[in-house]
Amino acid sequence: MLTVRAPATSANLGSGFDVFGVALERPADVVRLEKADRVTIEMTGAGSQYIPEDPEKNTVGAVADALDAPARIQIDKGVRPASGLGSSAASAAAAAVGLNELYDRGYSREELVPIAAKGEAVVSGDAHDDNVAPSIMGGFTIATDKGVTQVDADIPLVACLPDIVVSTRDARNVVPETARVDQMVETVGNAAALTTGMHRDDPELVGRGMHDTVVTPARAKLIDGYEQVREAALAAGATGVTISGAGPTVIAACAEKDRRKIASTMLDAFGERGVDARVYQTRIGGGAEVF
C-alpha cells in the first residue's frame, strides 16, 4: 500500500495558454493505493460529493486502466473541483506516480505525464499536460507536443479561490479563435519574460510576463469581481495577476514581504463584491511525493 501527495497547480500563467504550469506548495490531494483485482474508488474531502466514484467516470480510473494496474484507491481531496487549481490533475498525477511504483512499471516522471493526462481527458474532454506535468514533476513546466521541460523555481504566490464555479468546458468555449499579430507579438514577449523570470527566481519578471490580452480578458467575464481583485492585488504590491487555469482562482506573483498583505487585499476585494473566497499563501513547490 502506498500514499501519494500530489500538489495543486496553476496552468497558463497568463501568457502561456495550454503550455505553462507551476506546482503549488499547497493545497494538495492525498491518494492511498492498494493492489486489488479490480479498480474501486472512494472519495472524501473538498467537493468529493460531486465527483463520481465510477472508475469509468473518474480521472484515476483512466490512469489505472492505462497502466494496467487495478487497485483500491482512496482519494482525499484537498483541491476543490472546478477551482482552476488542477483538481482532477492532482488526483490523476497521484494515481500515475503511485501505481507506477506499486506495480513497478518503470516509467520516468516525464513518461507518466501523458498517462496522467488521459485521466484529465475524462473531466475536460481533452488530454492536456499543463496541469498534470507540474503536479508530477514539480516546479515550472513547459508542456508541448515534443515533451515537457521542467525548471525548479522559487516564486512566492497568492491563490485566491472565490466561491464561484467555472467549468473547464465553459472556460474553453469563450477562448477567442483568432488573435491579431500585435497581440501574438506581445504574448510571445511576455512568455519569454516569464520563462526567464522562472530561471532567475525573479518575481518581478515573472509578474510582468503574466500579462495577457488574448485569453484572460475573455475568461475574466466569467469571474465576478476579477478586475477589482486584480487591481487591488497590484496596488498591494503584486508583480503580476492572472486567472489560474480555467478559473475562478485568481493567482498573484509577489515578493515574500508583500504576500500576506496581498492575500488579505484579494479577500477583501472579493468580499466587496459580495463573493466569499478563501486564500492560499503559497509558492512554487515540488511534484508528487510517495510515502
C-alpha atoms as a PDB file:
ATOM      1  CA  MET A   1       0.000   0.000   0.000  1.00  0.00           C
ATOM      2  CA  LEU A   2       1.242   3.472  -0.919  1.00  0.00           C
ATOM      3  CA  THR A   3       0.193   7.021  -0.102  1.00  0.00           C
ATOM      4  CA  VAL A   4       0.887   9.804  -2.572  1.00  0.00           C
ATOM      5  CA  ARG A   5       0.561  13.551  -2.057  1.00  0.00           C
ATOM      6  CA  ALA A   6       0.120  15.455  -5.333  1.00  0.00           C
ATOM      7  CA  PRO A   7       0.027  19.252  -5.370  1.00  0.00           C
ATOM      8  CA  ALA A   8      -2.454  21.694  -6.784  1.00  0.00           C
ATOM      9  CA  THR A   9      -1.204  23.504  -9.858  1.00  0.00           C
ATOM     10  CA  SER A  10      -1.726  26.731 -11.747  1.00  0.00           C
ATOM     11  CA  ALA A  11      -1.764  26.456 -15.530  1.00  0.00           C
ATOM     12  CA  ASN A  12      -1.427  29.080 -18.287  1.00  0.00           C
ATOM     13  CA  LEU A  13       0.002  31.849 -16.046  1.00  0.00           C
ATOM     14  CA  GLY A  14      -1.468  34.371 -18.475  1.00  0.00           C
ATOM     15  CA  SER A  15       0.921  34.302 -21.411  1.00  0.00           C
ATOM     16  CA  GLY A  16       1.412  30.509 -21.550  1.00  0.00           C
ATOM     17  CA  PHE A  17      -2.040  29.235 -22.528  1.00  0.00           C
ATOM     18  CA  ASP A  18      -2.123  25.409 -22.560  1.00  0.00           C
ATOM     19  CA  VAL A  19       1.691  25.351 -22.171  1.00  0.00           C
ATOM     20  CA  PHE A  20       2.879  26.800 -18.828  1.00  0.00           C
ATOM     21  CA  GLY A  21       2.196  25.376 -15.394  1.00  0.00           C
ATOM     22  CA  VAL A  22       3.520  25.523 -11.838  1.00  0.00           C
ATOM     23  CA  ALA A  23       3.162  23.220  -8.845  1.00  0.00           C
ATOM     24  CA  LEU A  24       1.948  24.881  -5.642  1.00  0.00           C
ATOM     25  CA  GLU A  25       3.185  24.065  -2.136  1.00  0.00           C
ATOM     26  CA  ARG A  26      -0.451  23.964  -1.038  1.00  0.00           C
ATOM     27  CA  PRO A  27      -3.195  22.765  -1.308  1.00  0.00           C
ATOM     28  CA  ALA A  28      -2.835  19.105  -2.384  1.00  0.00           C
ATOM     29  CA  ASP A  29      -4.665  15.802  -2.851  1.00  0.00           C
ATOM     30  CA  VAL A  30      -3.691  12.722  -0.842  1.00  0.00           C
ATOM     31  CA  VAL A  31      -4.295   9.375  -2.558  1.00  0.00           C
ATOM     32  CA  ARG A  32      -3.919   5.924  -0.996  1.00  0.00           C
ATOM     33  CA  LEU A  33      -3.484   2.919  -3.272  1.00  0.00           C
ATOM     34  CA  GLU A  34      -3.553  -0.796  -2.583  1.00  0.00           C
ATOM     35  CA  LYS A  35      -3.241  -3.630  -5.119  1.00  0.00           C
ATOM     36  CA  ALA A  36      -6.537  -5.326  -5.962  1.00  0.00           C
ATOM     37  CA  ASP A  37      -8.106  -7.465  -8.672  1.00  0.00           C
ATOM     38  CA  ARG A  38     -10.228  -4.547  -9.924  1.00  0.00           C
ATOM     39  CA  VAL A  39     -10.354  -0.777  -9.627  1.00  0.00           C
ATOM     40  CA  THR A  40     -12.507   0.699  -6.867  1.00  0.00           C
ATOM     41  CA  ILE A  41     -12.545   4.351  -5.846  1.00  0.00           C
ATOM     42  CA  GLU A  42     -13.560   6.049  -2.594  1.00  0.00           C
ATOM     43  CA  MET A  43     -13.818   9.846  -2.420  1.00  0.00           C
ATOM     44  CA  THR A  44     -13.558  12.152   0.610  1.00  0.00           C
ATOM     45  CA  GLY A  45     -12.605  15.780   1.126  1.00  0.00           C
ATOM     46  CA  ALA A  46     -13.352  19.072  -0.610  1.00  0.00           C
ATOM     47  CA  GLY A  47     -16.148  18.726  -3.151  1.00  0.00           C
ATOM     48  CA  SER A  48     -15.924  14.942  -3.117  1.00  0.00           C
ATOM     49  CA  GLN A  49     -19.713  14.637  -3.214  1.00  0.00           C
ATOM     50  CA  TYR A  50     -19.633  15.965  -6.779  1.00  0.00           C
ATOM     51  CA  ILE A  51     -17.006  13.515  -8.061  1.00  0.00           C
ATOM     52  CA  PRO A  52     -18.165  10.129  -9.394  1.00  0.00           C
ATOM     53  CA  GLU A  53     -16.638   7.013  -7.853  1.00  0.00           C
ATOM     54  CA  ASP A  54     -17.309   5.003 -11.022  1.00  0.00           C
ATOM     55  CA  PRO A  55     -13.805   4.248 -12.435  1.00  0.00           C
ATOM     56  CA  GLU A  56     -15.019   4.952 -15.977  1.00  0.00           C
ATOM     57  CA  LYS A  57     -16.034   8.483 -14.967  1.00  0.00           C
ATOM     58  CA  ASN A  58     -13.167   9.309 -12.597  1.00  0.00           C
ATOM     59  CA  THR A  59      -9.720  10.575 -13.615  1.00  0.00           C
ATOM     60  CA  VAL A  60      -7.851   7.890 -11.687  1.00  0.00           C
ATOM     61  CA  GLY A  61      -9.828   5.093 -13.333  1.00  0.00           C
ATOM     62  CA  ALA A  62      -8.430   6.059 -16.730  1.00  0.00           C
ATOM     63  CA  VAL A  63      -4.904   6.185 -15.279  1.00  0.00           C
ATOM     64  CA  ALA A  64      -5.240   2.746 -13.690  1.00  0.00           C
ATOM     65  CA  ASP A  65      -6.516   1.374 -16.988  1.00  0.00           C
ATOM     66  CA  ALA A  66      -3.620   2.920 -18.944  1.00  0.00           C
ATOM     67  CA  LEU A  67      -1.088   1.377 -16.544  1.00  0.00           C
ATOM     68  CA  ASP A  68      -2.963  -1.942 -16.319  1.00  0.00           C
ATOM     69  CA  ALA A  69      -2.785  -1.510 -12.554  1.00  0.00           C
ATOM     70  CA  PRO A  70      -6.015  -2.400 -10.728  1.00  0.00           C
ATOM     71  CA  ALA A  71      -6.163  -1.057  -7.202  1.00  0.00           C
ATOM     72  CA  ARG A  72      -8.330   0.032  -4.322  1.00  0.00           C
ATOM     73  CA  ILE A  73      -7.959   3.804  -4.468  1.00  0.00           C
ATOM     74  CA  GLN A  74      -8.909   6.254  -1.720  1.00  0.00           C
ATOM     75  CA  ILE A  75      -8.778   9.941  -2.688  1.00  0.00           C
ATOM     76  CA  ASP A  76      -8.825  12.682  -0.063  1.00  0.00           C
ATOM     77  CA  LYS A  77      -9.474  15.892  -1.998  1.00  0.00           C
ATOM     78  CA  GLY A  78      -7.569  18.919  -0.797  1.00  0.00           C
ATOM     79  CA  VAL A  79      -8.024  20.643  -4.157  1.00  0.00           C
ATOM     80  CA  ARG A  80     -11.636  21.622  -4.797  1.00  0.00           C
ATOM     81  CA  PRO A  81     -13.101  20.599  -8.169  1.00  0.00           C
ATOM     82  CA  ALA A  82     -13.763  23.410 -10.680  1.00  0.00           C
ATOM     83  CA  SER A  83     -11.305  25.672  -8.865  1.00  0.00           C
ATOM     84  CA  GLY A  84      -8.748  26.394 -11.581  1.00  0.00           C
ATOM     85  CA  LEU A  85      -6.115  24.715  -9.398  1.00  0.00           C
ATOM     86  CA  GLY A  86      -5.791  21.444 -11.290  1.00  0.00           C
ATOM     87  CA  SER A  87      -8.101  19.384  -9.085  1.00  0.00           C
ATOM     88  CA  SER A  88      -8.538  16.477 -11.486  1.00  0.00           C
ATOM     89  CA  ALA A  89      -4.865  16.696 -12.456  1.00  0.00           C
ATOM     90  CA  ALA A  90      -3.738  16.311  -8.841  1.00  0.00           C
ATOM     91  CA  SER A  91      -5.700  13.076  -8.459  1.00  0.00           C
ATOM     92  CA  ALA A  92      -4.522  11.782 -11.838  1.00  0.00           C
ATOM     93  CA  ALA A  93      -0.906  12.680 -11.067  1.00  0.00           C
ATOM     94  CA  ALA A  94      -1.026  10.957  -7.679  1.00  0.00           C
ATOM     95  CA  ALA A  95      -2.537   7.828  -9.225  1.00  0.00           C
ATOM     96  CA  ALA A  96       0.021   7.730 -12.040  1.00  0.00           C
ATOM     97  CA  VAL A  97       3.020   8.132  -9.726  1.00  0.00           C
ATOM     98  CA  GLY A  98       1.670   5.751  -7.093  1.00  0.00           C
ATOM     99  CA  LEU A  99       0.509   2.961  -9.415  1.00  0.00           C
ATOM    100  CA  ASN A 100       3.744   3.170 -11.396  1.00  0.00           C
ATOM    101  CA  GLU A 101       5.655   2.451  -8.188  1.00  0.00           C
ATOM    102  CA  LEU A 102       3.148  -0.020  -6.722  1.00  0.00           C
ATOM    103  CA  TYR A 103       3.304  -2.188  -9.854  1.00  0.00           C
ATOM    104  CA  ASP A 104       6.940  -1.374 -10.687  1.00  0.00           C
ATOM    105  CA  ARG A 105       6.056  -0.255 -14.210  1.00  0.00           C
ATOM    106  CA  GLY A 106       9.344   1.634 -14.575  1.00  0.00           C
ATOM    107  CA  TYR A 107       8.113   4.832 -16.206  1.00  0.00           C
ATOM    108  CA  SER A 108      10.026   8.079 -15.657  1.00  0.00           C
ATOM    109  CA  ARG A 109       8.197  11.106 -14.270  1.00  0.00           C
ATOM    110  CA  GLU A 110       8.109  12.701 -17.734  1.00  0.00           C
ATOM    111  CA  GLU A 111       6.754   9.489 -19.269  1.00  0.00           C
ATOM    112  CA  LEU A 112       3.935   9.493 -16.716  1.00  0.00           C
ATOM    113  CA  VAL A 113       2.683  12.918 -17.846  1.00  0.00           C
ATOM    114  CA  PRO A 114       0.737  11.757 -20.959  1.00  0.00           C
ATOM    115  CA  ILE A 115      -0.600   8.795 -18.959  1.00  0.00           C
ATOM    116  CA  ALA A 116      -1.976  11.106 -16.275  1.00  0.00           C
ATOM    117  CA  ALA A 117      -3.325  13.400 -18.989  1.00  0.00           C
ATOM    118  CA  LYS A 118      -5.609  10.567 -20.120  1.00  0.00           C
ATOM    119  CA  GLY A 119      -7.285  10.907 -16.758  1.00  0.00           C
ATOM    120  CA  GLU A 120      -7.659  14.650 -17.289  1.00  0.00           C
ATOM    121  CA  ALA A 121      -9.494  13.944 -20.545  1.00  0.00           C
ATOM    122  CA  VAL A 122     -12.263  12.178 -18.600  1.00  0.00           C
ATOM    123  CA  VAL A 123     -13.168  15.515 -16.977  1.00  0.00           C
ATOM    124  CA  SER A 124     -12.257  18.162 -19.554  1.00  0.00           C
ATOM    125  CA  GLY A 125     -12.815  16.191 -22.745  1.00  0.00           C
ATOM    126  CA  ASP A 126      -9.223  16.738 -23.899  1.00  0.00           C
ATOM    127  CA  ALA A 127      -5.867  15.407 -22.688  1.00  0.00           C
ATOM    128  CA  HIS A 128      -3.866  18.474 -21.636  1.00  0.00           C
ATOM    129  CA  ASP A 129      -0.461  18.274 -19.967  1.00  0.00           C
ATOM    130  CA  ASP A 130      -0.244  21.788 -18.482  1.00  0.00           C
ATOM    131  CA  ASN A 131      -1.633  20.761 -15.069  1.00  0.00           C
ATOM    132  CA  VAL A 132      -0.520  17.139 -14.763  1.00  0.00           C
ATOM    133  CA  ALA A 133       3.081  17.990 -15.752  1.00  0.00           C
ATOM    134  CA  PRO A 134       3.835  20.266 -12.777  1.00  0.00           C
ATOM    135  CA  SER A 135       1.807  18.088 -10.395  1.00  0.00           C
ATOM    136  CA  ILE A 136       4.025  15.121 -11.293  1.00  0.00           C
ATOM    137  CA  MET A 137       7.361  16.872 -11.881  1.00  0.00           C
ATOM    138  CA  GLY A 138       7.132  19.955  -9.672  1.00  0.00           C
ATOM    139  CA  GLY A 139       8.419  23.468 -10.295  1.00  0.00           C
ATOM    140  CA  PHE A 140       7.652  25.350 -13.511  1.00  0.00           C
ATOM    141  CA  THR A 141       6.856  23.282 -16.575  1.00  0.00           C
ATOM    142  CA  ILE A 142       6.569  23.957 -20.293  1.00  0.00           C
ATOM    143  CA  ALA A 143       4.421  21.278 -21.932  1.00  0.00           C
ATOM    144  CA  THR A 144       4.389  20.928 -25.726  1.00  0.00           C
ATOM    145  CA  ASP A 145       3.821  18.164 -28.254  1.00  0.00           C
ATOM    146  CA  LYS A 146       7.591  17.498 -28.081  1.00  0.00           C
ATOM    147  CA  GLY A 147       7.558  16.791 -24.345  1.00  0.00           C
ATOM    148  CA  VAL A 148       7.930  18.598 -21.040  1.00  0.00           C
ATOM    149  CA  THR A 149      10.678  20.990 -19.949  1.00  0.00           C
ATOM    150  CA  GLN A 150      10.923  21.454 -16.192  1.00  0.00           C
ATOM    151  CA  VAL A 151      12.621  24.190 -14.178  1.00  0.00           C
ATOM    152  CA  ASP A 152      12.977  24.244 -10.393  1.00  0.00           C
ATOM    153  CA  ALA A 153      11.740  27.702  -9.428  1.00  0.00           C
ATOM    154  CA  ASP A 154      11.012  29.512  -6.171  1.00  0.00           C
ATOM    155  CA  ILE A 155       8.426  32.279  -6.546  1.00  0.00           C
ATOM    156  CA  PRO A 156       6.021  33.380  -3.769  1.00  0.00           C
ATOM    157  CA  LEU A 157       2.374  33.242  -4.853  1.00  0.00           C
ATOM    158  CA  VAL A 158      -1.094  34.062  -3.600  1.00  0.00           C
ATOM    159  CA  ALA A 159      -4.005  31.985  -4.895  1.00  0.00           C
ATOM    160  CA  CYS A 160      -7.457  33.364  -4.099  1.00  0.00           C
ATOM    161  CA  LEU A 161     -10.369  30.984  -4.731  1.00  0.00           C
ATOM    162  CA  PRO A 162     -13.806  32.637  -4.826  1.00  0.00           C
ATOM    163  CA  ASP A 163     -16.997  30.721  -4.143  1.00  0.00           C
ATOM    164  CA  ILE A 164     -17.809  30.664  -7.862  1.00  0.00           C
ATOM    165  CA  VAL A 165     -17.879  27.659 -10.177  1.00  0.00           C
ATOM    166  CA  VAL A 166     -16.316  27.912 -13.640  1.00  0.00           C
ATOM    167  CA  SER A 167     -16.152  24.637 -15.543  1.00  0.00           C
ATOM    168  CA  THR A 168     -13.200  23.925 -17.808  1.00  0.00           C
ATOM    169  CA  ARG A 169     -15.574  23.339 -20.713  1.00  0.00           C
ATOM    170  CA  ASP A 170     -17.287  26.724 -20.229  1.00  0.00           C
ATOM    171  CA  ALA A 171     -13.929  28.475 -19.969  1.00  0.00           C
ATOM    172  CA  ARG A 172     -12.750  26.848 -23.208  1.00  0.00           C
ATOM    173  CA  ASN A 173     -15.867  27.916 -25.052  1.00  0.00           C
ATOM    174  CA  VAL A 174     -15.061  31.623 -24.562  1.00  0.00           C
ATOM    175  CA  VAL A 175     -11.446  31.415 -25.784  1.00  0.00           C
ATOM    176  CA  PRO A 176     -11.073  33.523 -28.968  1.00  0.00           C
ATOM    177  CA  GLU A 177     -10.417  31.513 -32.125  1.00  0.00           C
ATOM    178  CA  THR A 178      -8.147  34.204 -33.602  1.00  0.00           C
ATOM    179  CA  ALA A 179      -5.671  36.834 -32.391  1.00  0.00           C
ATOM    180  CA  ARG A 180      -4.112  39.902 -34.012  1.00  0.00           C
ATOM    181  CA  VAL A 181      -0.437  39.884 -34.917  1.00  0.00           C
ATOM    182  CA  ASP A 182       0.337  42.622 -32.364  1.00  0.00           C
ATOM    183  CA  GLN A 183      -1.316  40.508 -29.649  1.00  0.00           C
ATOM    184  CA  MET A 184       0.761  37.488 -30.636  1.00  0.00           C
ATOM    185  CA  VAL A 185       3.966  39.540 -30.565  1.00  0.00           C
ATOM    186  CA  GLU A 186       3.129  40.840 -27.101  1.00  0.00           C
ATOM    187  CA  THR A 187       2.228  37.361 -25.824  1.00  0.00           C
ATOM    188  CA  VAL A 188       5.497  35.848 -27.078  1.00  0.00           C
ATOM    189  CA  GLY A 189       7.460  38.618 -25.391  1.00  0.00           C
ATOM    190  CA  ASN A 190       5.609  38.164 -22.112  1.00  0.00           C
ATOM    191  CA  ALA A 191       6.034  34.378 -22.206  1.00  0.00           C
ATOM    192  CA  ALA A 192       9.767  34.806 -22.772  1.00  0.00           C
ATOM    193  CA  ALA A 193       9.992  37.239 -19.853  1.00  0.00           C
ATOM    194  CA  LEU A 194       8.094  34.860 -17.569  1.00  0.00           C
ATOM    195  CA  THR A 195      10.311  31.920 -18.502  1.00  0.00           C
ATOM    196  CA  THR A 196      13.450  33.953 -17.852  1.00  0.00           C
ATOM    197  CA  GLY A 197      11.999  35.055 -14.522  1.00  0.00           C
ATOM    198  CA  MET A 198      11.439  31.442 -13.503  1.00  0.00           C
ATOM    199  CA  HIS A 199      15.075  30.603 -14.244  1.00  0.00           C
ATOM    200  CA  ARG A 200      16.197  33.590 -12.149  1.00  0.00           C
ATOM    201  CA  ASP A 201      13.637  33.179  -9.312  1.00  0.00           C
ATOM    202  CA  ASP A 202      12.655  36.767 -10.110  1.00  0.00           C
ATOM    203  CA  PRO A 203       9.052  37.597  -9.101  1.00  0.00           C
ATOM    204  CA  GLU A 204       9.196  40.975 -10.860  1.00  0.00           C
ATOM    205  CA  LEU A 205       9.981  39.381 -14.213  1.00  0.00           C
ATOM    206  CA  VAL A 206       7.505  36.542 -13.681  1.00  0.00           C
ATOM    207  CA  GLY A 207       4.759  39.005 -12.795  1.00  0.00           C
ATOM    208  CA  ARG A 208       5.468  41.138 -15.828  1.00  0.00           C
ATOM    209  CA  GLY A 209       5.303  38.054 -18.028  1.00  0.00           C
ATOM    210  CA  MET A 210       1.845  37.066 -16.753  1.00  0.00           C
ATOM    211  CA  HIS A 211       0.143  39.821 -18.740  1.00  0.00           C
ATOM    212  CA  ASP A 212      -2.125  38.521 -21.498  1.00  0.00           C
ATOM    213  CA  THR A 213      -4.534  40.323 -23.839  1.00  0.00           C
ATOM    214  CA  VAL A 214      -5.993  37.311 -25.675  1.00  0.00           C
ATOM    215  CA  VAL A 215      -7.403  34.565 -23.427  1.00  0.00           C
ATOM    216  CA  THR A 216      -7.525  36.175 -19.975  1.00  0.00           C
ATOM    217  CA  PRO A 217      -9.889  39.073 -20.844  1.00  0.00           C
ATOM    218  CA  ALA A 218     -12.409  36.628 -22.327  1.00  0.00           C
ATOM    219  CA  ARG A 219     -12.323  34.363 -19.283  1.00  0.00           C
ATOM    220  CA  ALA A 220     -12.356  37.247 -16.799  1.00  0.00           C
ATOM    221  CA  LYS A 221     -16.020  37.871 -17.689  1.00  0.00           C
ATOM    222  CA  LEU A 222     -16.875  34.525 -16.056  1.00  0.00           C
ATOM    223  CA  ILE A 223     -15.423  35.623 -12.681  1.00  0.00           C
ATOM    224  CA  ASP A 224     -17.445  38.198 -10.765  1.00  0.00           C
ATOM    225  CA  GLY A 225     -15.077  40.803  -9.339  1.00  0.00           C
ATOM    226  CA  TYR A 226     -11.958  39.719 -11.260  1.00  0.00           C
ATOM    227  CA  GLU A 227     -10.901  43.202 -12.390  1.00  0.00           C
ATOM    228  CA  GLN A 228     -11.394  44.701  -8.924  1.00  0.00           C
ATOM    229  CA  VAL A 229      -9.418  41.877  -7.301  1.00  0.00           C
ATOM    230  CA  ARG A 230      -6.638  42.203  -9.871  1.00  0.00           C
ATOM    231  CA  GLU A 231      -6.340  45.963  -9.383  1.00  0.00           C
ATOM    232  CA  ALA A 232      -6.392  45.610  -5.592  1.00  0.00           C
ATOM    233  CA  ALA A 233      -3.657  42.972  -5.638  1.00  0.00           C
ATOM    234  CA  LEU A 234      -1.430  45.063  -7.885  1.00  0.00           C
ATOM    235  CA  ALA A 235      -1.938  48.092  -5.636  1.00  0.00           C
ATOM    236  CA  ALA A 236      -0.932  45.947  -2.638  1.00  0.00           C
ATOM    237  CA  GLY A 237       2.368  45.010  -4.289  1.00  0.00           C
ATOM    238  CA  ALA A 238       1.677  42.033  -6.555  1.00  0.00           C
ATOM    239  CA  THR A 239       4.058  41.933  -9.506  1.00  0.00           C
ATOM    240  CA  GLY A 240       1.500  40.219 -11.736  1.00  0.00           C
ATOM    241  CA  VAL A 241      -2.046  38.866 -11.513  1.00  0.00           C
ATOM    242  CA  THR A 242      -3.960  36.496 -13.774  1.00  0.00           C
ATOM    243  CA  ILE A 243      -6.535  33.710 -13.822  1.00  0.00           C
ATOM    244  CA  SER A 244      -5.303  30.321 -12.667  1.00  0.00           C
ATOM    245  CA  GLY A 245      -6.150  27.713 -15.272  1.00  0.00           C
ATOM    246  CA  ALA A 246      -9.781  27.940 -16.327  1.00  0.00           C
ATOM    247  CA  GLY A 247     -10.625  29.873 -13.154  1.00  0.00           C
ATOM    248  CA  PRO A 248     -12.149  31.034 -10.930  1.00  0.00           C
ATOM    249  CA  THR A 249      -8.969  31.158  -8.806  1.00  0.00           C
ATOM    250  CA  VAL A 250      -7.022  34.381  -9.237  1.00  0.00           C
ATOM    251  CA  ILE A 251      -3.274  33.987  -8.805  1.00  0.00           C
ATOM    252  CA  ALA A 252      -0.712  36.668  -7.998  1.00  0.00           C
ATOM    253  CA  ALA A 253       3.085  36.618  -8.086  1.00  0.00           C
ATOM    254  CA  CYS A 254       4.810  38.707  -5.461  1.00  0.00           C
ATOM    255  CA  ALA A 255       7.769  39.299  -3.207  1.00  0.00           C
ATOM    256  CA  GLU A 256       7.757  37.349   0.069  1.00  0.00           C
ATOM    257  CA  LYS A 257       7.359  40.506   2.155  1.00  0.00           C
ATOM    258  CA  ASP A 258       4.137  41.507   0.382  1.00  0.00           C
ATOM    259  CA  ARG A 259       2.390  38.142   0.316  1.00  0.00           C
ATOM    260  CA  ARG A 260       0.271  38.460   3.466  1.00  0.00           C
ATOM    261  CA  LYS A 261      -0.952  41.946   2.571  1.00  0.00           C
ATOM    262  CA  ILE A 262      -1.850  40.862  -0.953  1.00  0.00           C
ATOM    263  CA  ALA A 263      -3.759  37.839   0.347  1.00  0.00           C
ATOM    264  CA  SER A 264      -5.842  39.984   2.692  1.00  0.00           C
ATOM    265  CA  THR A 265      -6.471  42.579  -0.002  1.00  0.00           C
ATOM    266  CA  MET A 266      -7.706  39.998  -2.516  1.00  0.00           C
ATOM    267  CA  LEU A 267     -10.126  38.516   0.035  1.00  0.00           C
ATOM    268  CA  ASP A 268     -11.457  41.991   0.838  1.00  0.00           C
ATOM    269  CA  ALA A 269     -11.891  42.834  -2.844  1.00  0.00           C
ATOM    270  CA  PHE A 270     -14.000  39.743  -3.466  1.00  0.00           C
ATOM    271  CA  GLY A 271     -15.924  40.489  -0.258  1.00  0.00           C
ATOM    272  CA  GLU A 272     -16.798  43.960  -1.520  1.00  0.00           C
ATOM    273  CA  ARG A 273     -18.478  42.265  -4.476  1.00  0.00           C
ATOM    274  CA  GLY A 274     -20.431  40.014  -2.133  1.00  0.00           C
ATOM    275  CA  VAL A 275     -18.351  36.973  -3.079  1.00  0.00           C
ATOM    276  CA  ASP A 276     -16.991  34.654  -0.390  1.00  0.00           C
ATOM    277  CA  ALA A 277     -13.449  33.402  -1.010  1.00  0.00           C
ATOM    278  CA  ARG A 278     -10.545  31.594   0.574  1.00  0.00           C
ATOM    279  CA  VAL A 279      -6.899  32.350   0.043  1.00  0.00           C
ATOM    280  CA  TYR A 280      -3.708  30.289  -0.055  1.00  0.00           C
ATOM    281  CA  GLN A 281      -0.412  31.980   0.751  1.00  0.00           C
ATOM    282  CA  THR A 282       1.794  29.588  -1.173  1.00  0.00           C
ATOM    283  CA  ARG A 283       4.751  29.354  -3.555  1.00  0.00           C
ATOM    284  CA  ILE A 284       6.049  27.170  -6.372  1.00  0.00           C
ATOM    285  CA  GLY A 285       6.744  23.750  -4.882  1.00  0.00           C
ATOM    286  CA  GLY A 286       7.699  20.173  -5.669  1.00  0.00           C
ATOM    287  CA  GLY A 287       5.831  17.437  -7.506  1.00  0.00           C
ATOM    288  CA  ALA A 288       4.016  14.334  -6.295  1.00  0.00           C
ATOM    289  CA  GLU A 289       5.573  12.626  -3.255  1.00  0.00           C
ATOM    290  CA  VAL A 290       5.275   8.939  -2.385  1.00  0.00           C
ATOM    291  CA  PHE A 291       5.064   7.878   1.253  1.00  0.00           C
END
